[in-house]
Amino acid sequence: RVDRTEMASKRRARAVVRPRQVAMYLAKVLTPRSYPEIGRKFGGRDHSTVIHAVRLIEELRTRDADMDGDVRTLLRQLED
């Protein structure tokens, strides 16, 4: 579990980075927010960082069934 402050932190530990990337992906998929807006919400990150995160999670979902399942579960929970 990664808390909200770590999501916006500058930490680059793997335990924080992947959940942050998933959260950025979910923010893009589930909201009308732009890449720059999402980046600002995640500690002032550049829009290109958000684009990278979204593309990476899209790719991982096609290659990794566990990742796809985790993201599907999160999407279901957030859409309810």
C-alpha atoms as a PDB file:
ATOM      1  CA  ARG A   1       0.000   0.000   0.000  1.00  0.00           C
ATOM      2  CA  VAL A   2       1.336   3.425  -0.997  1.00  0.00           C
ATOM      3  CA  ASP A   3      -0.089   6.471   0.722  1.00  0.00           C
ATOM      4  CA  ARG A   4      -1.169   9.674  -0.942  1.00  0.00           C
ATOM      5  CA  THR A   5       1.920  11.673   0.036  1.00  0.00           C
ATOM      6  CA  GLU A   6       4.216   9.052  -1.477  1.00  0.00           C
ATOM      7  CA  MET A   7       2.222   9.150  -4.724  1.00  0.00           C
ATOM      8  CA  ALA A   8       3.108  12.826  -5.060  1.00  0.00           C
ATOM      9  CA  SER A   9       6.641  12.480  -3.699  1.00  0.00           C
ATOM     10  CA  LYS A  10       9.842  12.484  -5.730  1.00  0.00           C
ATOM     11  CA  ARG A  11      10.713   8.963  -4.529  1.00  0.00           C
ATOM     12  CA  ARG A  12      11.720   6.642  -7.322  1.00  0.00           C
ATOM     13  CA  ALA A  13      11.727   3.345  -5.460  1.00  0.00           C
ATOM     14  CA  ARG A  14      10.053   0.566  -7.421  1.00  0.00           C
ATOM     15  CA  ALA A  15       7.552   0.053  -4.585  1.00  0.00           C
ATOM     16  CA  VAL A  16       6.311   3.608  -5.205  1.00  0.00           C
ATOM     17  CA  VAL A  17       6.878   4.067  -8.936  1.00  0.00           C
ATOM     18  CA  ARG A  18       4.664   1.272 -10.289  1.00  0.00           C
ATOM     19  CA  PRO A  19       1.640   2.130  -8.110  1.00  0.00           C
ATOM     20  CA  ARG A  20       2.103   5.789  -9.098  1.00  0.00           C
ATOM     21  CA  GLN A  21       2.137   4.832 -12.777  1.00  0.00           C
ATOM     22  CA  VAL A  22      -1.032   2.779 -12.343  1.00  0.00           C
ATOM     23  CA  ALA A  23      -2.684   5.692 -10.537  1.00  0.00           C
ATOM     24  CA  MET A  24      -1.728   8.061 -13.373  1.00  0.00           C
ATOM     25  CA  TYR A  25      -3.156   5.580 -15.878  1.00  0.00           C
ATOM     26  CA  LEU A  26      -6.405   5.349 -13.917  1.00  0.00           C
ATOM     27  CA  ALA A  27      -6.605   9.134 -13.655  1.00  0.00           C
ATOM     28  CA  LYS A  28      -6.302   9.436 -17.432  1.00  0.00           C
ATOM     29  CA  VAL A  29      -8.756   6.635 -18.206  1.00  0.00           C
ATOM     30  CA  LEU A  30     -11.401   7.615 -15.661  1.00  0.00           C
ATOM     31  CA  THR A  31     -11.293  11.410 -15.797  1.00  0.00           C
ATOM     32  CA  PRO A  32     -11.328  14.120 -18.449  1.00  0.00           C
ATOM     33  CA  ARG A  33      -8.113  15.598 -16.993  1.00  0.00           C
ATOM     34  CA  SER A  34      -5.256  16.485 -19.326  1.00  0.00           C
ATOM     35  CA  TYR A  35      -1.759  15.056 -18.998  1.00  0.00           C
ATOM     36  CA  PRO A  36      -0.426  18.320 -17.499  1.00  0.00           C
ATOM     37  CA  GLU A  37      -3.279  18.418 -14.953  1.00  0.00           C
ATOM     38  CA  ILE A  38      -2.597  14.855 -13.875  1.00  0.00           C
ATOM     39  CA  GLY A  39       1.122  15.595 -13.629  1.00  0.00           C
ATOM     40  CA  ARG A  40       0.446  18.551 -11.338  1.00  0.00           C
ATOM     41  CA  LYS A  41      -1.662  16.355  -9.048  1.00  0.00           C
ATOM     42  CA  PHE A  42       1.198  13.874  -8.809  1.00  0.00           C
ATOM     43  CA  GLY A  43       3.766  16.220  -7.349  1.00  0.00           C
ATOM     44  CA  GLY A  44       4.259  18.569 -10.271  1.00  0.00           C
ATOM     45  CA  ARG A  45       5.419  15.944 -12.725  1.00  0.00           C
ATOM     46  CA  ASP A  46       5.827  16.835 -16.372  1.00  0.00           C
ATOM     47  CA  HIS A  47       3.103  15.819 -18.815  1.00  0.00           C
ATOM     48  CA  SER A  48       5.604  13.569 -20.594  1.00  0.00           C
ATOM     49  CA  THR A  49       5.999  11.524 -17.401  1.00  0.00           C
ATOM     50  CA  VAL A  50       2.245  10.949 -17.342  1.00  0.00           C
ATOM     51  CA  ILE A  51       2.221   9.999 -21.037  1.00  0.00           C
ATOM     52  CA  HIS A  52       5.025   7.509 -20.363  1.00  0.00           C
ATOM     53  CA  ALA A  53       3.131   6.022 -17.398  1.00  0.00           C
ATOM     54  CA  VAL A  54      -0.090   5.623 -19.390  1.00  0.00           C
ATOM     55  CA  ARG A  55       1.677   3.982 -22.332  1.00  0.00           C
ATOM     56  CA  LEU A  56       3.680   1.707 -20.043  1.00  0.00           C
ATOM     57  CA  ILE A  57       0.626   0.462 -18.158  1.00  0.00           C
ATOM     58  CA  GLU A  58      -1.243  -0.064 -21.447  1.00  0.00           C
ATOM     59  CA  GLU A  59       1.682  -2.165 -22.685  1.00  0.00           C
ATOM     60  CA  LEU A  60       2.050  -4.082 -19.424  1.00  0.00           C
ATOM     61  CA  ARG A  61      -1.652  -4.925 -19.466  1.00  0.00           C
ATOM     62  CA  THR A  62      -1.196  -6.658 -22.830  1.00  0.00           C
ATOM     63  CA  ARG A  63       1.862  -8.642 -21.697  1.00  0.00           C
ATOM     64  CA  ASP A  64       1.161  -9.376 -18.039  1.00  0.00           C
ATOM     65  CA  ALA A  65      -2.101 -11.078 -17.076  1.00  0.00           C
ATOM     66  CA  ASP A  66      -1.585 -10.266 -13.387  1.00  0.00           C
ATOM     67  CA  MET A  67      -1.167  -6.563 -14.125  1.00  0.00           C
ATOM     68  CA  ASP A  68      -4.217  -6.609 -16.366  1.00  0.00           C
ATOM     69  CA  GLY A  69      -6.240  -8.343 -13.666  1.00  0.00           C
ATOM     70  CA  ASP A  70      -5.111  -5.866 -11.017  1.00  0.00           C
ATOM     71  CA  VAL A  71      -5.996  -2.888 -13.212  1.00  0.00           C
ATOM     72  CA  ARG A  72      -9.374  -4.412 -14.119  1.00  0.00           C
ATOM     73  CA  THR A  73     -10.134  -4.881 -10.421  1.00  0.00           C
ATOM     74  CA  LEU A  74      -9.209  -1.276  -9.652  1.00  0.00           C
ATOM     75  CA  LEU A  75     -11.308  -0.009 -12.555  1.00  0.00           C
ATOM     76  CA  ARG A  76     -14.325  -1.985 -11.350  1.00  0.00           C
ATOM     77  CA  GLN A  77     -13.905  -0.715  -7.791  1.00  0.00           C
ATOM     78  CA  LEU A  78     -13.528   2.894  -8.890  1.00  0.00           C
ATOM     79  CA  GLU A  79     -16.418   2.798 -11.348  1.00  0.00           C
ATOM     80  CA  ASP A  80     -18.890   1.450  -8.761  1.00  0.00           C
END
